[in-house]
PDB file of N, CA and C in Angstrom:
ATOM      1  N   UNK A   1       0.847  -1.166  -0.004  1.00  0.00           N
ATOM      2  CA  UNK A   1       0.000  -0.002   0.006  1.00  0.00           C
ATOM      3  C   UNK A   1       0.887   1.229   0.000  1.00  0.00           C
ATOM      4  N   UNK A   2       0.675   2.106  -0.950  1.00  0.00           N
ATOM      5  CA  UNK A   2       1.486   3.304  -1.048  1.00  0.00           C
ATOM      6  C   UNK A   2       0.784   4.373  -1.837  1.00  0.00           C
ATOM      7  N   UNK A   3       1.415   5.489  -1.931  1.00  0.00           N
ATOM      8  CA  UNK A   3       0.860   6.602  -2.677  1.00  0.00           C
ATOM      9  C   UNK A   3       1.374   6.579  -4.101  1.00  0.00           C
ATOM     10  N   UNK A   4       0.545   6.978  -5.016  1.00  0.00           N
ATOM     11  CA  UNK A   4       0.926   7.033  -6.425  1.00  0.00           C
ATOM     12  C   UNK A   4       1.127   8.488  -6.823  1.00  0.00           C
ATOM     13  N   UNK A   5       2.214   9.077  -6.357  1.00  0.00           N
ATOM     14  CA  UNK A   5       2.497  10.470  -6.594  1.00  0.00           C
ATOM     15  C   UNK A   5       2.578  10.825  -8.081  1.00  0.00           C
ATOM     16  N   UNK A   6       3.192  10.017  -8.942  1.00  0.00           N
ATOM     17  CA  UNK A   6       3.242  10.392 -10.351  1.00  0.00           C
ATOM     18  C   UNK A   6       1.850  10.576 -10.947  1.00  0.00           C
ATOM     19  N   UNK A   7       0.858   9.784 -10.551  1.00  0.00           N
ATOM     20  CA  UNK A   7      -0.486   9.939 -11.059  1.00  0.00           C
ATOM     21  C   UNK A   7      -1.084  11.275 -10.611  1.00  0.00           C
ATOM     22  N   UNK A   8      -0.774  11.670  -9.367  1.00  0.00           N
ATOM     23  CA  UNK A   8      -1.261  12.950  -8.863  1.00  0.00           C
ATOM     24  C   UNK A   8      -0.648  14.087  -9.654  1.00  0.00           C
ATOM     25  N   UNK A   9       0.660  14.028  -9.905  1.00  0.00           N
ATOM     26  CA  UNK A   9       1.330  15.051 -10.694  1.00  0.00           C
ATOM     27  C   UNK A   9       0.766  15.065 -12.102  1.00  0.00           C
ATOM     28  N   UNK A  10       0.562  13.886 -12.686  1.00  0.00           N
ATOM     29  CA  UNK A  10       0.002  13.786 -14.027  1.00  0.00           C
ATOM     30  C   UNK A  10      -1.380  14.432 -14.079  1.00  0.00           C
ATOM     31  N   UNK A  11      -2.211  14.157 -13.100  1.00  0.00           N
ATOM     32  CA  UNK A  11      -3.557  14.722 -13.057  1.00  0.00           C
ATOM     33  C   UNK A  11      -3.499  16.233 -12.922  1.00  0.00           C
ATOM     34  N   UNK A  12      -2.603  16.739 -12.092  1.00  0.00           N
ATOM     35  CA  UNK A  12      -2.456  18.181 -11.916  1.00  0.00           C
ATOM     36  C   UNK A  12      -2.070  18.828 -13.245  1.00  0.00           C
ATOM     37  N   UNK A  13      -1.104  18.232 -13.962  1.00  0.00           N
ATOM     38  CA  UNK A  13      -0.687  18.774 -15.256  1.00  0.00           C
ATOM     39  C   UNK A  13      -1.800  18.676 -16.290  1.00  0.00           C
ATOM     40  N   UNK A  14      -2.561  17.588 -16.252  1.00  0.00           N
ATOM     41  CA  UNK A  14      -3.673  17.433 -17.184  1.00  0.00           C
ATOM     42  C   UNK A  14      -4.720  18.505 -16.934  1.00  0.00           C
ATOM     43  N   UNK A  15      -5.035  18.775 -15.667  1.00  0.00           N
ATOM     44  CA  UNK A  15      -6.015  19.817 -15.355  1.00  0.00           C
ATOM     45  C   UNK A  15      -5.507  21.198 -15.773  1.00  0.00           C
ATOM     46  N   UNK A  16      -4.215  21.426 -15.575  1.00  0.00           N
ATOM     47  CA  UNK A  16      -3.636  22.705 -15.997  1.00  0.00           C
ATOM     48  C   UNK A  16      -3.721  22.832 -17.511  1.00  0.00           C
ATOM     49  N   UNK A  17      -3.387  21.768 -18.221  1.00  0.00           N
ATOM     50  CA  UNK A  17      -3.473  21.764 -19.683  1.00  0.00           C
ATOM     51  C   UNK A  17      -4.910  21.972 -20.123  1.00  0.00           C
ATOM     52  N   UNK A  18      -5.828  21.310 -19.457  1.00  0.00           N
ATOM     53  CA  UNK A  18      -7.230  21.453 -19.792  1.00  0.00           C
ATOM     54  C   UNK A  18      -7.693  22.893 -19.624  1.00  0.00           C
ATOM     55  N   UNK A  19      -7.228  23.567 -18.597  1.00  0.00           N
ATOM     56  CA  UNK A  19      -7.626  24.961 -18.400  1.00  0.00           C
ATOM     57  C   UNK A  19      -6.970  25.858 -19.433  1.00  0.00           C
ATOM     58  N   UNK A  20      -5.805  25.466 -19.962  1.00  0.00           N
ATOM     59  CA  UNK A  20      -5.140  26.261 -20.976  1.00  0.00           C
ATOM     60  C   UNK A  20      -5.887  26.263 -22.297  1.00  0.00           C
ATOM     61  N   UNK A  21      -6.349  25.112 -22.728  1.00  0.00           N
ATOM     62  CA  UNK A  21      -6.920  25.040 -24.076  1.00  0.00           C
ATOM     63  C   UNK A  21      -8.400  24.741 -24.113  1.00  0.00           C
ATOM     64  N   UNK A  22      -9.029  24.481 -22.994  1.00  0.00           N
ATOM     65  CA  UNK A  22     -10.469  24.244 -22.973  1.00  0.00           C
ATOM     66  C   UNK A  22     -10.791  22.776 -23.182  1.00  0.00           C
ATOM     67  N   UNK A  23     -11.933  22.342 -22.632  1.00  0.00           N
ATOM     68  CA  UNK A  23     -12.313  20.936 -22.664  1.00  0.00           C
ATOM     69  C   UNK A  23     -12.548  20.424 -24.080  1.00  0.00           C
ATOM     70  N   UNK A  24     -13.292  21.169 -24.899  1.00  0.00           N
ATOM     71  CA  UNK A  24     -13.603  20.678 -26.242  1.00  0.00           C
ATOM     72  C   UNK A  24     -12.352  20.593 -27.106  1.00  0.00           C
ATOM     73  N   UNK A  25     -11.473  21.599 -26.999  1.00  0.00           N
ATOM     74  CA  UNK A  25     -10.251  21.575 -27.764  1.00  0.00           C
ATOM     75  C   UNK A  25      -9.339  20.452 -27.298  1.00  0.00           C
ATOM     76  N   UNK A  26      -9.285  20.205 -25.988  1.00  0.00           N
ATOM     77  CA  UNK A  26      -8.462  19.123 -25.466  1.00  0.00           C
ATOM     78  C   UNK A  26      -8.937  17.782 -26.001  1.00  0.00           C
ATOM     79  N   UNK A  27     -10.241  17.552 -25.999  1.00  0.00           N
ATOM     80  CA  UNK A  27     -10.780  16.303 -26.518  1.00  0.00           C
ATOM     81  C   UNK A  27     -10.430  16.136 -27.996  1.00  0.00           C
ATOM     82  N   UNK A  28     -10.548  17.194 -28.776  1.00  0.00           N
ATOM     83  CA  UNK A  28     -10.233  17.111 -30.203  1.00  0.00           C
ATOM     84  C   UNK A  28      -8.753  16.838 -30.417  1.00  0.00           C
ATOM     85  N   UNK A  29      -7.890  17.526 -29.657  1.00  0.00           N
ATOM     86  CA  UNK A  29      -6.449  17.351 -29.799  1.00  0.00           C
ATOM     87  C   UNK A  29      -6.023  15.956 -29.387  1.00  0.00           C
ATOM     88  N   UNK A  30      -6.657  15.405 -28.332  1.00  0.00           N
ATOM     89  CA  UNK A  30      -6.233  14.114 -27.815  1.00  0.00           C
ATOM     90  C   UNK A  30      -6.835  12.928 -28.589  1.00  0.00           C
ATOM     91  N   UNK A  31      -7.913  13.118 -29.325  1.00  0.00           N
ATOM     92  CA  UNK A  31      -8.557  11.976 -29.957  1.00  0.00           C
ATOM     93  C   UNK A  31      -8.342  11.883 -31.459  1.00  0.00           C
ATOM     94  N   UNK A  32      -7.986  12.953 -32.130  1.00  0.00           N
ATOM     95  CA  UNK A  32      -7.847  12.886 -33.573  1.00  0.00           C
ATOM     96  C   UNK A  32      -6.467  12.357 -33.968  1.00  0.00           C
ATOM     97  N   UNK A  33      -6.412  11.121 -34.343  1.00  0.00           N
ATOM     98  CA  UNK A  33      -5.210  10.406 -34.774  1.00  0.00           C
ATOM     99  C   UNK A  33      -4.000  10.567 -33.854  1.00  0.00           C
ATOM    100  N   UNK A  34      -4.270  10.702 -32.568  1.00  0.00           N
ATOM    101  CA  UNK A  34      -3.214  10.801 -31.573  1.00  0.00           C
ATOM    102  C   UNK A  34      -3.262   9.529 -30.735  1.00  0.00           C
ATOM    103  N   UNK A  35      -2.129   8.802 -30.668  1.00  0.00           N
ATOM    104  CA  UNK A  35      -2.130   7.560 -29.883  1.00  0.00           C
ATOM    105  C   UNK A  35      -2.431   7.818 -28.409  1.00  0.00           C
ATOM    106  N   UNK A  36      -2.961   6.826 -27.772  1.00  0.00           N
ATOM    107  CA  UNK A  36      -3.254   6.904 -26.348  1.00  0.00           C
ATOM    108  C   UNK A  36      -1.949   7.227 -25.595  1.00  0.00           C
ATOM    109  N   UNK A  37      -2.046   8.145 -24.634  1.00  0.00           N
ATOM    110  CA  UNK A  37      -0.876   8.522 -23.853  1.00  0.00           C
ATOM    111  C   UNK A  37      -0.053   9.628 -24.486  1.00  0.00           C
ATOM    112  N   UNK A  38      -0.560  10.229 -25.550  1.00  0.00           N
ATOM    113  CA  UNK A  38       0.145  11.294 -26.248  1.00  0.00           C
ATOM    114  C   UNK A  38      -0.766  12.506 -26.403  1.00  0.00           C
ATOM    115  N   UNK A  39      -0.187  13.620 -26.793  1.00  0.00           N
ATOM    116  CA  UNK A  39      -0.952  14.826 -27.049  1.00  0.00           C
ATOM    117  C   UNK A  39      -0.331  15.556 -28.248  1.00  0.00           C
ATOM    118  N   UNK A  40      -1.176  16.185 -29.024  1.00  0.00           N
ATOM    119  CA  UNK A  40      -0.698  16.959 -30.170  1.00  0.00           C
ATOM    120  C   UNK A  40      -0.448  18.391 -29.734  1.00  0.00           C
ATOM    121  N   UNK A  41       0.679  18.960 -30.172  1.00  0.00           N
ATOM    122  CA  UNK A  41       0.991  20.354 -29.905  1.00  0.00           C
ATOM    123  C   UNK A  41       1.437  21.000 -31.212  1.00  0.00           C
ATOM    124  N   UNK A  42       1.224  22.295 -31.304  1.00  0.00           N
ATOM    125  CA  UNK A  42       1.642  23.068 -32.471  1.00  0.00           C
ATOM    126  C   UNK A  42       2.800  23.955 -32.062  1.00  0.00           C
ATOM    127  N   UNK A  43       3.883  23.892 -32.842  1.00  0.00           N
ATOM    128  CA  UNK A  43       5.122  24.574 -32.489  1.00  0.00           C
ATOM    129  C   UNK A  43       5.636  25.331 -33.706  1.00  0.00           C
ATOM    130  N   UNK A  44       6.214  26.475 -33.460  1.00  0.00           N
ATOM    131  CA  UNK A  44       6.855  27.246 -34.532  1.00  0.00           C
ATOM    132  C   UNK A  44       6.701  28.728 -34.310  1.00  0.00           C
ATOM    133  N   UNK A  45       7.597  29.486 -34.924  1.00  0.00           N
ATOM    134  CA  UNK A  45       7.550  30.927 -34.791  1.00  0.00           C
ATOM    135  C   UNK A  45       6.475  31.526 -35.696  1.00  0.00           C
ATOM    136  N   UNK A  46       6.550  31.244 -36.969  1.00  0.00           N
ATOM    137  CA  UNK A  46       5.564  31.794 -37.904  1.00  0.00           C
ATOM    138  C   UNK A  46       4.605  30.704 -38.388  1.00  0.00           C
ATOM    139  N   UNK A  47       5.148  29.692 -39.026  1.00  0.00           N
ATOM    140  CA  UNK A  47       4.331  28.588 -39.503  1.00  0.00           C
ATOM    141  C   UNK A  47       4.366  27.482 -38.455  1.00  0.00           C
ATOM    142  N   UNK A  48       3.193  27.104 -37.971  1.00  0.00           N
ATOM    143  CA  UNK A  48       3.106  26.112 -36.909  1.00  0.00           C
ATOM    144  C   UNK A  48       3.157  24.707 -37.482  1.00  0.00           C
ATOM    145  N   UNK A  49       3.923  23.852 -36.820  1.00  0.00           N
ATOM    146  CA  UNK A  49       4.015  22.443 -37.218  1.00  0.00           C
ATOM    147  C   UNK A  49       3.448  21.617 -36.074  1.00  0.00           C
ATOM    148  N   UNK A  50       2.729  20.570 -36.422  1.00  0.00           N
ATOM    149  CA  UNK A  50       2.089  19.708 -35.429  1.00  0.00           C
ATOM    150  C   UNK A  50       3.031  18.590 -35.011  1.00  0.00           C
ATOM    151  N   UNK A  51       3.173  18.431 -33.701  1.00  0.00           N
ATOM    152  CA  UNK A  51       3.976  17.348 -33.122  1.00  0.00           C
ATOM    153  C   UNK A  51       3.084  16.554 -32.181  1.00  0.00           C
ATOM    154  N   UNK A  52       3.325  15.264 -32.110  1.00  0.00           N
ATOM    155  CA  UNK A  52       2.630  14.402 -31.161  1.00  0.00           C
ATOM    156  C   UNK A  52       3.675  13.923 -30.162  1.00  0.00           C
ATOM    157  N   UNK A  53       3.469  14.276 -28.895  1.00  0.00           N
ATOM    158  CA  UNK A  53       4.448  13.960 -27.863  1.00  0.00           C
ATOM    159  C   UNK A  53       3.775  13.180 -26.730  1.00  0.00           C
ATOM    160  N   UNK A  54       4.533  12.371 -26.012  1.00  0.00           N
ATOM    161  CA  UNK A  54       3.980  11.634 -24.863  1.00  0.00           C
ATOM    162  C   UNK A  54       3.508  12.594 -23.769  1.00  0.00           C
ATOM    163  N   UNK A  55       2.417  12.258 -23.140  1.00  0.00           N
ATOM    164  CA  UNK A  55       1.895  13.071 -22.043  1.00  0.00           C
ATOM    165  C   UNK A  55       2.902  13.132 -20.898  1.00  0.00           C
ATOM    166  N   UNK A  56       3.745  12.132 -20.764  1.00  0.00           N
ATOM    167  CA  UNK A  56       4.740  12.127 -19.685  1.00  0.00           C
ATOM    168  C   UNK A  56       5.670  13.338 -19.762  1.00  0.00           C
ATOM    169  N   UNK A  57       5.824  13.941 -20.941  1.00  0.00           N
ATOM    170  CA  UNK A  57       6.668  15.131 -21.069  1.00  0.00           C
ATOM    171  C   UNK A  57       6.116  16.284 -20.243  1.00  0.00           C
ATOM    172  N   UNK A  58       4.819  16.280 -19.972  1.00  0.00           N
ATOM    173  CA  UNK A  58       4.201  17.351 -19.202  1.00  0.00           C
ATOM    174  C   UNK A  58       4.776  17.445 -17.788  1.00  0.00           C
ATOM    175  N   UNK A  59       5.338  16.349 -17.283  1.00  0.00           N
ATOM    176  CA  UNK A  59       5.909  16.328 -15.941  1.00  0.00           C
ATOM    177  C   UNK A  59       7.292  16.950 -15.883  1.00  0.00           C
ATOM    178  N   UNK A  60       7.951  17.118 -17.014  1.00  0.00           N
ATOM    179  CA  UNK A  60       9.320  17.613 -17.018  1.00  0.00           C
ATOM    180  C   UNK A  60       9.348  19.140 -16.878  1.00  0.00           C
ATOM    181  N   UNK A  61      10.205  19.674 -16.003  1.00  0.00           N
ATOM    182  CA  UNK A  61      10.254  21.121 -15.766  1.00  0.00           C
ATOM    183  C   UNK A  61      10.494  21.941 -17.043  1.00  0.00           C
ATOM    184  N   UNK A  62      11.301  21.444 -17.975  1.00  0.00           N
ATOM    185  CA  UNK A  62      11.558  22.190 -19.211  1.00  0.00           C
ATOM    186  C   UNK A  62      10.302  22.312 -20.049  1.00  0.00           C
ATOM    187  N   UNK A  63       9.515  21.256 -20.098  1.00  0.00           N
ATOM    188  CA  UNK A  63       8.269  21.304 -20.862  1.00  0.00           C
ATOM    189  C   UNK A  63       7.253  22.181 -20.147  1.00  0.00           C
ATOM    190  N   UNK A  64       7.259  22.153 -18.830  1.00  0.00           N
ATOM    191  CA  UNK A  64       6.351  23.015 -18.060  1.00  0.00           C
ATOM    192  C   UNK A  64       6.688  24.487 -18.286  1.00  0.00           C
ATOM    193  N   UNK A  65       7.969  24.793 -18.498  1.00  0.00           N
ATOM    194  CA  UNK A  65       8.357  26.153 -18.840  1.00  0.00           C
ATOM    195  C   UNK A  65       7.722  26.571 -20.161  1.00  0.00           C
ATOM    196  N   UNK A  66       7.705  25.656 -21.122  1.00  0.00           N
ATOM    197  CA  UNK A  66       7.064  25.960 -22.415  1.00  0.00           C
ATOM    198  C   UNK A  66       5.562  26.175 -22.248  1.00  0.00           C
ATOM    199  N   UNK A  67       4.937  25.389 -21.378  1.00  0.00           N
ATOM    200  CA  UNK A  67       3.517  25.569 -21.120  1.00  0.00           C
ATOM    201  C   UNK A  67       3.250  26.939 -20.487  1.00  0.00           C
ATOM    202  N   UNK A  68       4.139  27.377 -19.624  1.00  0.00           N
ATOM    203  CA  UNK A  68       3.985  28.701 -19.016  1.00  0.00           C
ATOM    204  C   UNK A  68       4.113  29.801 -20.081  1.00  0.00           C
ATOM    205  N   UNK A  69       5.051  29.613 -21.010  1.00  0.00           N
ATOM    206  CA  UNK A  69       5.193  30.587 -22.110  1.00  0.00           C
ATOM    207  C   UNK A  69       3.939  30.626 -22.963  1.00  0.00           C
ATOM    208  N   UNK A  70       3.367  29.461 -23.215  1.00  0.00           N
ATOM    209  CA  UNK A  70       2.143  29.389 -24.013  1.00  0.00           C
ATOM    210  C   UNK A  70       1.012  30.112 -23.300  1.00  0.00           C
ATOM    211  N   UNK A  71       0.924  29.930 -21.998  1.00  0.00           N
ATOM    212  CA  UNK A  71      -0.119  30.588 -21.218  1.00  0.00           C
ATOM    213  C   UNK A  71       0.059  32.105 -21.248  1.00  0.00           C
ATOM    214  N   UNK A  72       1.303  32.563 -21.117  1.00  0.00           N
ATOM    215  CA  UNK A  72       1.579  33.998 -21.142  1.00  0.00           C
ATOM    216  C   UNK A  72       1.263  34.617 -22.490  1.00  0.00           C
ATOM    217  N   UNK A  73       1.649  33.918 -23.566  1.00  0.00           N
ATOM    218  CA  UNK A  73       1.483  34.486 -24.911  1.00  0.00           C
ATOM    219  C   UNK A  73       0.056  34.386 -25.427  1.00  0.00           C
ATOM    220  N   UNK A  74      -0.581  33.238 -25.213  1.00  0.00           N
ATOM    221  CA  UNK A  74      -1.900  33.010 -25.812  1.00  0.00           C
ATOM    222  C   UNK A  74      -3.040  33.055 -24.816  1.00  0.00           C
ATOM    223  N   UNK A  75      -2.746  32.963 -23.528  1.00  0.00           N
ATOM    224  CA  UNK A  75      -3.815  32.915 -22.546  1.00  0.00           C
ATOM    225  C   UNK A  75      -4.689  31.703 -22.792  1.00  0.00           C
ATOM    226  N   UNK A  76      -5.985  31.919 -22.854  1.00  0.00           N
ATOM    227  CA  UNK A  76      -6.908  30.801 -23.065  1.00  0.00           C
ATOM    228  C   UNK A  76      -7.429  30.749 -24.485  1.00  0.00           C
ATOM    229  N   UNK A  77      -6.897  31.589 -25.372  1.00  0.00           N
ATOM    230  CA  UNK A  77      -7.348  31.653 -26.762  1.00  0.00           C
ATOM    231  C   UNK A  77      -6.224  31.211 -27.680  1.00  0.00           C
ATOM    232  N   UNK A  78      -6.212  29.933 -28.042  1.00  0.00           N
ATOM    233  CA  UNK A  78      -5.179  29.386 -28.896  1.00  0.00           C
ATOM    234  C   UNK A  78      -5.608  29.463 -30.361  1.00  0.00           C
ATOM    235  N   UNK A  79      -4.842  30.113 -31.218  1.00  0.00           N
ATOM    236  CA  UNK A  79      -5.236  30.304 -32.613  1.00  0.00           C
ATOM    237  C   UNK A  79      -5.330  29.008 -33.406  1.00  0.00           C
ATOM    238  N   UNK A  80      -4.624  27.964 -33.014  1.00  0.00           N
ATOM    239  CA  UNK A  80      -4.640  26.717 -33.777  1.00  0.00           C
ATOM    240  C   UNK A  80      -5.724  25.770 -33.312  1.00  0.00           C
ATOM    241  N   UNK A  81      -6.474  26.122 -32.285  1.00  0.00           N
ATOM    242  CA  UNK A  81      -7.510  25.236 -31.783  1.00  0.00           C
ATOM    243  C   UNK A  81      -6.951  24.111 -30.935  1.00  0.00           C
ATOM    244  N   UNK A  82      -5.709  24.159 -30.608  1.00  0.00           N
ATOM    245  CA  UNK A  82      -5.068  23.144 -29.782  1.00  0.00           C
ATOM    246  C   UNK A  82      -3.982  23.817 -28.974  1.00  0.00           C
ATOM    247  N   UNK A  83      -3.144  23.041 -28.372  1.00  0.00           N
ATOM    248  CA  UNK A  83      -2.057  23.590 -27.566  1.00  0.00           C
ATOM    249  C   UNK A  83      -0.974  24.124 -28.490  1.00  0.00           C
ATOM    250  N   UNK A  84      -0.779  25.427 -28.487  1.00  0.00           N
ATOM    251  CA  UNK A  84       0.218  26.084 -29.311  1.00  0.00           C
ATOM    252  C   UNK A  84       1.355  26.532 -28.411  1.00  0.00           C
ATOM    253  N   UNK A  85       2.570  26.149 -28.763  1.00  0.00           N
ATOM    254  CA  UNK A  85       3.730  26.479 -27.946  1.00  0.00           C
ATOM    255  C   UNK A  85       4.593  27.480 -28.711  1.00  0.00           C
ATOM    256  N   UNK A  86       4.820  28.661 -28.113  1.00  0.00           N
ATOM    257  CA  UNK A  86       5.640  29.677 -28.781  1.00  0.00           C
ATOM    258  C   UNK A  86       7.121  29.377 -28.637  1.00  0.00           C
ATOM    259  N   UNK A  87       7.628  28.543 -29.529  1.00  0.00           N
ATOM    260  CA  UNK A  87       8.995  28.068 -29.431  1.00  0.00           C
ATOM    261  C   UNK A  87       9.507  27.815 -30.846  1.00  0.00           C
ATOM    262  N   UNK A  88      10.771  28.029 -31.051  1.00  0.00           N
ATOM    263  CA  UNK A  88      11.399  27.693 -32.321  1.00  0.00           C
ATOM    264  C   UNK A  88      11.322  26.191 -32.532  1.00  0.00           C
ATOM    265  N   UNK A  89      10.973  25.764 -33.725  1.00  0.00           N
ATOM    266  CA  UNK A  89      10.808  24.328 -34.019  1.00  0.00           C
ATOM    267  C   UNK A  89      12.064  23.524 -33.715  1.00  0.00           C
ATOM    268  N   UNK A  90      13.225  24.063 -34.066  1.00  0.00           N
ATOM    269  CA  UNK A  90      14.486  23.358 -33.809  1.00  0.00           C
ATOM    270  C   UNK A  90      14.739  23.180 -32.316  1.00  0.00           C
ATOM    271  N   UNK A  91      14.439  24.219 -31.540  1.00  0.00           N
ATOM    272  CA  UNK A  91      14.599  24.123 -30.079  1.00  0.00           C
ATOM    273  C   UNK A  91      13.655  23.086 -29.487  1.00  0.00           C
ATOM    274  N   UNK A  92      12.421  23.037 -30.011  1.00  0.00           N
ATOM    275  CA  UNK A  92      11.454  22.050 -29.519  1.00  0.00           C
ATOM    276  C   UNK A  92      11.914  20.634 -29.838  1.00  0.00           C
ATOM    277  N   UNK A  93      12.417  20.425 -31.027  1.00  0.00           N
ATOM    278  CA  UNK A  93      12.935  19.109 -31.416  1.00  0.00           C
ATOM    279  C   UNK A  93      14.109  18.707 -30.541  1.00  0.00           C
ATOM    280  N   UNK A  94      14.976  19.658 -30.241  1.00  0.00           N
ATOM    281  CA  UNK A  94      16.126  19.387 -29.358  1.00  0.00           C
ATOM    282  C   UNK A  94      15.635  18.983 -27.968  1.00  0.00           C
ATOM    283  N   UNK A  95      14.658  19.729 -27.434  1.00  0.00           N
ATOM    284  CA  UNK A  95      14.108  19.425 -26.094  1.00  0.00           C
ATOM    285  C   UNK A  95      13.462  18.048 -26.080  1.00  0.00           C
ATOM    286  N   UNK A  96      12.605  17.753 -27.049  1.00  0.00           N
ATOM    287  CA  UNK A  96      11.933  16.458 -27.044  1.00  0.00           C
ATOM    288  C   UNK A  96      12.895  15.302 -27.267  1.00  0.00           C
ATOM    289  N   UNK A  97      13.947  15.549 -28.045  1.00  0.00           N
ATOM    290  CA  UNK A  97      14.972  14.508 -28.218  1.00  0.00           C
ATOM    291  C   UNK A  97      15.664  14.220 -26.887  1.00  0.00           C
ATOM    292  N   UNK A  98      15.947  15.275 -26.150  1.00  0.00           N
ATOM    293  CA  UNK A  98      16.578  15.120 -24.831  1.00  0.00           C
ATOM    294  C   UNK A  98      15.635  14.386 -23.870  1.00  0.00           C
ATOM    295  N   UNK A  99      14.355  14.751 -23.894  1.00  0.00           N
ATOM    296  CA  UNK A  99      13.393  14.105 -23.001  1.00  0.00           C
ATOM    297  C   UNK A  99      13.191  12.641 -23.340  1.00  0.00           C
ATOM    298  N   UNK A 100      13.296  12.286 -24.602  1.00  0.00           N
ATOM    299  CA  UNK A 100      13.095  10.888 -24.995  1.00  0.00           C
ATOM    300  C   UNK A 100      14.230   9.989 -24.510  1.00  0.00           C
ATOM    301  N   UNK A 101      15.379  10.597 -24.205  1.00  0.00           N
ATOM    302  CA  UNK A 101      16.528   9.834 -23.713  1.00  0.00           C
ATOM    303  C   UNK A 101      16.483   9.603 -22.204  1.00  0.00           C
ATOM    304  N   UNK A 102      15.599  10.322 -21.518  1.00  0.00           N
ATOM    305  CA  UNK A 102      15.523  10.203 -20.056  1.00  0.00           C
ATOM    306  C   UNK A 102      14.786   8.984 -19.623  1.00  0.00           C
TER     307      UNK A 102
END
């Protein structure tokens, strides 16, 4: 018998994400050709590119920094209808590559 702290952290991040993009947008982003346990995000300075990343990335402090930037820049109104991250595409690829090695 023990506590499942990672599930609590995951739920907290999921609720934060849900408040960022709204319930209907979250359902659309998570269900349209996105594998279970992943989420679609839009990244790029001018032209946005869609990436599908594991939900586990939401627990990493570097990814949470990106979520904070998204909240600051877009608030609750995301132009792409999903989670849009204001980050250079190359930097995002570098970050996700690093996270995949952890």
